[in-house]
C-alpha atoms as a PDB file:
ATOM      1  CA  MET A   1      50.462  88.273 -22.011  1.00  0.00           C
ATOM      2  CA  SER A   2      48.030  85.126 -23.176  1.00  0.00           C
ATOM      3  CA  GLN A   3      49.069  82.538 -20.999  1.00  0.00           C
ATOM      4  CA  LYS A   4      48.192  78.864 -22.704  1.00  0.00           C
ATOM      5  CA  LYS A   5      45.861  76.852 -20.995  1.00  0.00           C
ATOM      6  CA  LEU A   6      47.265  73.500 -19.563  1.00  0.00           C
ATOM      7  CA  SER A   7      45.325  70.373 -20.047  1.00  0.00           C
ATOM      8  CA  LEU A   8      44.798  68.179 -16.863  1.00  0.00           C
ATOM      9  CA  GLN A   9      47.788  66.211 -17.190  1.00  0.00           C
ATOM     10  CA  GLU A  10      49.865  69.021 -17.696  1.00  0.00           C
ATOM     11  CA  GLN A  11      48.939  70.722 -14.615  1.00  0.00           C
ATOM     12  CA  LEU A  12      49.141  67.173 -12.630  1.00  0.00           C
ATOM     13  CA  LEU A  13      52.730  66.895 -14.033  1.00  0.00           C
ATOM     14  CA  LYS A  14      53.395  70.580 -12.958  1.00  0.00           C
ATOM     15  CA  ALA A  15      52.360  70.045  -9.680  1.00  0.00           C
ATOM     16  CA  GLY A  16      54.408  66.825  -8.688  1.00  0.00           C
ATOM     17  CA  LEU A  17      51.015  64.630  -8.598  1.00  0.00           C
ATOM     18  CA  ILE A  18      51.935  62.345 -11.192  1.00  0.00           C
ATOM     19  CA  THR A  19      55.415  61.463 -12.710  1.00  0.00           C
ATOM     20  CA  GLU A  20      56.084  61.726 -16.598  1.00  0.00           C
ATOM     21  CA  SER A  21      55.882  57.963 -17.053  1.00  0.00           C
ATOM     22  CA  GLN A  22      52.217  57.651 -15.680  1.00  0.00           C
ATOM     23  CA  ALA A  23      51.123  60.427 -17.617  1.00  0.00           C
ATOM     24  CA  LYS A  24      52.449  58.781 -20.772  1.00  0.00           C
ATOM     25  CA  THR A  25      50.583  55.151 -19.791  1.00  0.00           C
ATOM     26  CA  ALA A  26      47.843  57.094 -19.241  1.00  0.00           C
ATOM     27  CA  LYS A  27      47.800  59.027 -22.884  1.00  0.00           C
ATOM     28  CA  THR A  28      49.073  55.405 -24.816  1.00  0.00           C
ATOM     29  CA  GLU A  29      45.856  53.658 -22.728  1.00  0.00           C
ATOM     30  CA  LYS A  30      43.916  56.278 -23.879  1.00  0.00           C
ATOM     31  CA  TYR A  31      45.099  56.047 -27.832  1.00  0.00           C
ATOM     32  CA  ARG A  32      44.419  52.523 -27.610  1.00  0.00           C
ATOM     33  CA  GLN A  33      40.879  52.483 -26.388  1.00  0.00           C
ATOM     34  CA  ASN A  34      39.936  55.169 -29.281  1.00  0.00           C
ATOM     35  CA  GLN A  35      41.495  53.328 -32.041  1.00  0.00           C
ATOM     36  CA  LEU A  36      39.806  49.950 -30.709  1.00  0.00           C
ATOM     37  CA  ILE A  37      36.151  52.040 -30.843  1.00  0.00           C
ATOM     38  CA  ARG A  38      37.074  53.608 -34.226  1.00  0.00           C
ATOM     39  CA  ASN A  39      38.684  50.317 -36.046  1.00  0.00           C
ATOM     40  CA  HIS A  40      36.718  47.414 -34.553  1.00  0.00           C
ATOM     41  CA  LYS A  41      33.687  49.409 -33.653  1.00  0.00           C
ATOM     42  CA  VAL A  42      33.498  48.288 -29.951  1.00  0.00           C
ATOM     43  CA  GLN A  43      31.151  49.605 -27.738  1.00  0.00           C
ATOM     44  CA  LEU A  44      33.163  50.529 -23.893  1.00  0.00           C
ATOM     45  CA  VAL A  45      30.952  49.771 -20.893  1.00  0.00           C
ATOM     46  CA  ASP A  46      30.280  52.734 -18.829  1.00  0.00           C
ATOM     47  CA  GLU A  47      29.586  51.124 -15.112  1.00  0.00           C
ATOM     48  CA  ALA A  48      27.885  54.612 -14.024  1.00  0.00           C
ATOM     49  CA  LYS A  49      25.637  54.742 -16.404  1.00  0.00           C
ATOM     50  CA  GLU A  50      24.272  50.921 -16.285  1.00  0.00           C
ATOM     51  CA  GLN A  51      24.194  51.249 -12.828  1.00  0.00           C
ATOM     52  CA  ALA A  52      22.323  54.711 -12.734  1.00  0.00           C
ATOM     53  CA  LEU A  53      19.863  52.988 -15.551  1.00  0.00           C
ATOM     54  CA  LYS A  54      19.346  49.896 -13.035  1.00  0.00           C
ATOM     55  CA  ALA A  55      18.837  52.158  -9.946  1.00  0.00           C
ATOM     56  CA  GLN A  56      16.231  54.084 -12.435  1.00  0.00           C
ATOM     57  CA  ALA A  57      14.527  50.486 -13.020  1.00  0.00           C
ATOM     58  CA  GLU A  58      14.718  49.184  -9.496  1.00  0.00           C
ATOM     59  CA  GLN A  59      12.817  52.846  -8.460  1.00  0.00           C
ATOM     60  CA  LEU A  60      10.546  52.949 -10.768  1.00  0.00           C
ATOM     61  CA  GLY A  61       9.341  49.244  -9.555  1.00  0.00           C
ATOM     62  CA  LYS A  62       9.039  50.590  -6.248  1.00  0.00           C
ATOM     63  CA  ASP A  63       7.114  53.779  -7.507  1.00  0.00           C
ATOM     64  CA  LYS A  64       4.930  51.383  -9.247  1.00  0.00           C
ATOM     65  CA  GLU A  65       4.386  48.978  -6.054  1.00  0.00           C
ATOM     66  CA  LEU A  66       3.900  51.965  -4.231  1.00  0.00           C
ATOM     67  CA  ASN A  67       0.913  53.044  -6.414  1.00  0.00           C
ATOM     68  CA  LYS A  68      -0.736  49.732  -6.392  1.00  0.00           C
ATOM     69  CA  LEU A  69      -0.685  50.094  -2.725  1.00  0.00           C
ATOM     70  CA  LYS A  70      -2.327  53.343  -2.509  1.00  0.00           C
ATOM     71  CA  GLN A  71      -4.805  52.144  -4.890  1.00  0.00           C
ATOM     72  CA  GLN A  72      -6.096  49.373  -2.889  1.00  0.00           C
ATOM     73  CA  GLN A  73      -6.146  51.554   0.176  1.00  0.00           C
ATOM     74  CA  GLU A  74      -8.057  54.016  -1.663  1.00  0.00           C
ATOM     75  CA  GLU A  75     -10.649  51.209  -3.094  1.00  0.00           C
ATOM     76  CA  GLN A  76     -10.913  50.088   0.261  1.00  0.00           C
ATOM     77  CA  LYS A  77     -11.776  53.527   1.826  1.00  0.00           C
ATOM     78  CA  GLN A  78     -14.416  53.915  -1.281  1.00  0.00           C
ATOM     79  CA  ILE A  79     -16.013  50.437   0.186  1.00  0.00           C
ATOM     80  CA  ALA A  80     -16.053  51.310   3.438  1.00  0.00           C
ATOM     81  CA  ALA A  81     -17.958  54.441   2.761  1.00  0.00           C
ATOM     82  CA  GLN A  82     -20.138  52.642   0.801  1.00  0.00           C
ATOM     83  CA  VAL A  83     -20.975  50.129   3.343  1.00  0.00           C
ATOM     84  CA  ARG A  84     -21.160  53.080   5.812  1.00  0.00           C
ATOM     85  CA  GLN A  85     -23.633  54.510   3.433  1.00  0.00           C
ATOM     86  CA  LEU A  86     -25.989  51.849   2.660  1.00  0.00           C
ATOM     87  CA  VAL A  87     -26.293  51.090   6.237  1.00  0.00           C
ATOM     88  CA  ILE A  88     -27.406  54.657   7.103  1.00  0.00           C
ATOM     89  CA  GLN A  89     -29.529  55.563   4.672  1.00  0.00           C
ATOM     90  CA  HIS A  90     -31.987  52.009   5.063  1.00  0.00           C
ATOM     91  CA  ARG A  91     -31.088  51.169   8.942  1.00  0.00           C
ATOM     92  CA  ILE A  92     -34.193  50.124  11.000  1.00  0.00           C
ATOM     93  CA  PRO A  93     -34.784  52.857  13.932  1.00  0.00           C
ATOM     94  CA  ILE A  94     -35.290  50.988  17.267  1.00  0.00           C
ATOM     95  CA  ASP A  95     -36.384  53.140  19.479  1.00  0.00           C
ATOM     96  CA  GLU A  96     -33.090  53.674  22.404  1.00  0.00           C
ATOM     97  CA  ASN A  97     -35.309  54.871  25.341  1.00  0.00           C
ATOM     98  CA  ALA A  98     -37.586  51.681  24.930  1.00  0.00           C
ATOM     99  CA  ILE A  99     -33.811  49.839  25.809  1.00  0.00           C
ATOM    100  CA  ASP A 100     -34.029  50.140  29.233  1.00  0.00           C
ATOM    101  CA  GLU A 101     -37.710  48.876  29.558  1.00  0.00           C
ATOM    102  CA  TYR A 102     -36.404  45.532  28.050  1.00  0.00           C
ATOM    103  CA  ASP A 103     -35.195  42.918  30.042  1.00  0.00           C
ATOM    104  CA  ASP A 104     -33.120  39.794  28.558  1.00  0.00           C
ATOM    105  CA  SER A 105     -36.034  38.134  26.795  1.00  0.00           C
ATOM    106  CA  PHE A 106     -36.319  41.169  24.271  1.00  0.00           C
ATOM    107  CA  ALA A 107     -32.844  40.888  23.197  1.00  0.00           C
ATOM    108  CA  TYR A 108     -31.769  38.820  19.908  1.00  0.00           C
ATOM    109  CA  HIS A 109     -28.714  36.652  20.746  1.00  0.00           C
ATOM    110  CA  PHE A 110     -26.045  36.324  18.133  1.00  0.00           C
ATOM    111  CA  ILE A 111     -22.373  35.766  17.719  1.00  0.00           C
ATOM    112  CA  ASP A 112     -19.650  38.152  16.716  1.00  0.00           C
ATOM    113  CA  LYS A 113     -15.882  36.722  16.065  1.00  0.00           C
ATOM    114  CA  GLY A 114     -16.923  34.052  18.584  1.00  0.00           C
ATOM    115  CA  LYS A 115     -18.353  36.228  20.664  1.00  0.00           C
ATOM    116  CA  VAL A 116     -22.116  36.018  21.894  1.00  0.00           C
ATOM    117  CA  LYS A 117     -23.469  39.356  21.748  1.00  0.00           C
ATOM    118  CA  LYS A 118     -26.993  40.632  21.787  1.00  0.00           C
ATOM    119  CA  LEU A 119     -29.268  43.449  20.433  1.00  0.00           C
ATOM    120  CA  PHE A 120     -32.167  44.707  22.099  1.00  0.00           C
ATOM    121  CA  VAL A 121     -35.161  45.113  19.326  1.00  0.00           C
ATOM    122  CA  PRO A 122     -38.817  44.659  19.397  1.00  0.00           C
ATOM    123  CA  LYS A 123     -40.449  41.167  19.094  1.00  0.00           C
ATOM    124  CA  ASN A 124     -41.621  41.644  15.123  1.00  0.00           C
ATOM    125  CA  ILE A 125     -38.214  42.481  14.492  1.00  0.00           C
ATOM    126  CA  ARG A 126     -36.817  39.780  16.488  1.00  0.00           C
ATOM    127  CA  GLU A 127     -39.497  37.328  14.369  1.00  0.00           C
ATOM    128  CA  GLN A 128     -38.012  39.414  10.779  1.00  0.00           C
ATOM    129  CA  ILE A 129     -34.513  38.566  11.647  1.00  0.00           C
ATOM    130  CA  ALA A 130     -34.944  35.072  12.169  1.00  0.00           C
ATOM    131  CA  GLY A 131     -37.258  34.550   9.194  1.00  0.00           C
ATOM    132  CA  GLY A 132     -34.502  36.058   6.790  1.00  0.00           C
ATOM    133  CA  GLN A 133     -36.573  39.082   6.567  1.00  0.00           C
ATOM    134  CA  LEU A 134     -33.919  41.443   8.602  1.00  0.00           C
ATOM    135  CA  ALA A 135     -30.061  41.427   8.931  1.00  0.00           C
ATOM    136  CA  ILE A 136     -27.848  42.615  11.631  1.00  0.00           C
ATOM    137  CA  VAL A 137     -25.058  44.326   9.834  1.00  0.00           C
ATOM    138  CA  LYS A 138     -21.869  46.289  12.253  1.00  0.00           C
ATOM    139  CA  LEU A 139     -21.254  49.624  11.394  1.00  0.00           C
ATOM    140  CA  GLY A 140     -18.264  50.923  13.663  1.00  0.00           C
ATOM    141  CA  GLN A 141     -18.708  49.398  17.057  1.00  0.00           C
ATOM    142  CA  ARG A 142     -22.323  49.402  17.069  1.00  0.00           C
ATOM    143  CA  TYR A 143     -25.050  46.761  15.474  1.00  0.00           C
ATOM    144  CA  GLU A 144     -27.931  48.204  12.940  1.00  0.00           C
ATOM    145  CA  VAL A 145     -30.783  46.199  11.835  1.00  0.00           C
ATOM    146  CA  VAL A 146     -31.333  46.695   7.786  1.00  0.00           C
ATOM    147  CA  LYS A 147     -33.463  44.532   5.091  1.00  0.00           C
ATOM    148  CA  ALA A 148     -32.292  41.407   3.602  1.00  0.00           C
ATOM    149  CA  GLU A 149     -31.464  43.020   0.461  1.00  0.00           C
ATOM    150  CA  ILE A 150     -29.073  45.628   1.569  1.00  0.00           C
ATOM    151  CA  ALA A 151     -27.500  43.092   3.882  1.00  0.00           C
ATOM    152  CA  ASN A 152     -26.395  41.248   0.224  1.00  0.00           C
ATOM    153  CA  LYS A 153     -25.595  44.255  -1.290  1.00  0.00           C
ATOM    154  CA  ILE A 154     -23.351  45.166   1.734  1.00  0.00           C
ATOM    155  CA  LYS A 155     -21.904  41.633   1.935  1.00  0.00           C
ATOM    156  CA  ALA A 156     -20.984  41.481  -2.186  1.00  0.00           C
ATOM    157  CA  ARG A 157     -19.118  44.663  -0.908  1.00  0.00           C
ATOM    158  CA  ASN A 158     -17.476  43.750   2.266  1.00  0.00           C
ATOM    159  CA  SER A 159     -18.683  40.031   3.858  1.00  0.00           C
ATOM    160  CA  GLY A 160     -17.558  41.128   7.127  1.00  0.00           C
ATOM    161  CA  SER A 161     -19.602  43.463   7.819  1.00  0.00           C
ATOM    162  CA  VAL A 162     -22.849  41.492   8.073  1.00  0.00           C
ATOM    163  CA  VAL A 163     -22.867  39.538  11.226  1.00  0.00           C
ATOM    164  CA  VAL A 164     -26.748  37.982  11.181  1.00  0.00           C
ATOM    165  CA  LEU A 165     -28.535  36.994   7.750  1.00  0.00           C
ATOM    166  CA  THR A 166     -30.541  34.222   7.793  1.00  0.00           C
ATOM    167  CA  GLU A 167     -31.174  32.558   4.569  1.00  0.00           C
ATOM    168  CA  SER A 168     -35.350  32.619   3.985  1.00  0.00           C
ATOM    169  CA  SER A 169     -36.539  29.098   5.150  1.00  0.00           C
ATOM    170  CA  ASN A 170     -38.308  27.124   2.528  1.00  0.00           C
ATOM    171  CA  ALA A 171     -39.366  24.740   4.578  1.00  0.00           C
ATOM    172  CA  PRO A 172     -39.184  20.961   3.155  1.00  0.00           C
ATOM    173  CA  PRO A 173     -42.490  19.521   2.611  1.00  0.00           C
ATOM    174  CA  ALA A 174     -44.679  18.008   5.604  1.00  0.00           C
ATOM    175  CA  ASP A 175     -43.727  14.333   6.262  1.00  0.00           C
ATOM    176  CA  LYS A 176     -47.593  12.493   5.791  1.00  0.00           C
ATOM    177  CA  ASN A 177     -46.416   9.775   8.792  1.00  0.00           C
ATOM    178  CA  ASP A 178     -45.122  12.829  11.147  1.00  0.00           C
ATOM    179  CA  PRO A 179     -47.114  13.037  14.710  1.00  0.00           C
ATOM    180  CA  TYR A 180     -45.703  16.406  15.612  1.00  0.00           C
ATOM    181  CA  ALA A 181     -46.791  17.920  12.423  1.00  0.00           C
ATOM    182  CA  ASP A 182     -49.589  20.089  14.241  1.00  0.00           C
ATOM    183  CA  TYR A 183     -47.286  21.657  16.194  1.00  0.00           C
ATOM    184  CA  GLN A 184     -45.141  24.822  15.594  1.00  0.00           C
ATOM    185  CA  ILE A 185     -41.775  25.358  17.356  1.00  0.00           C
ATOM    186  CA  PRO A 186     -41.460  28.636  18.205  1.00  0.00           C
ATOM    187  CA  ASP A 187     -38.068  30.744  16.847  1.00  0.00           C
ATOM    188  CA  ASP A 188     -37.044  32.306  20.100  1.00  0.00           C
ATOM    189  CA  LEU A 189     -37.570  29.309  22.389  1.00  0.00           C
ATOM    190  CA  MET A 190     -35.569  29.264  25.379  1.00  0.00           C
ATOM    191  CA  TRP A 191     -34.437  25.963  27.343  1.00  0.00           C
END
């Protein structure tokens, strides 16, 4: 009792889902397409395949952009870690216990993002900051004092971390006719 397997078209006819004329039209259309392909070497466009390829290309573009963004974030993290390491290794220690003894005359005032800030440091460090041998850098919410060479390295990586870096002043030659040439103006002059 072997039963002959019916094609999909015959099964649809038997179930009454299509009529004989619809089946005949579909069969002739399929025959014509095959003839076109064989005789004229015409390639039929498979829209589903094209859409799949287009979607794959779009996904590839999105993946590349996402990878690029992740790489930029990773580079920023590495730069932040390098800056942090430079500051921690080369910061100049300031006696935190002695800060309570200082009054406002011991503070070095500077501007950070439009706000006046102050850092309590001894007189010799204040003079070195003003002279350009030392600099103030920001590490998180704290301000640290480092050498100017280290501040330049930090500035090359992230210029936003360096708050105060005074250029070493090479004073212009003194004018021979200047009546005040003998008088030095102090860097910490208060008005």
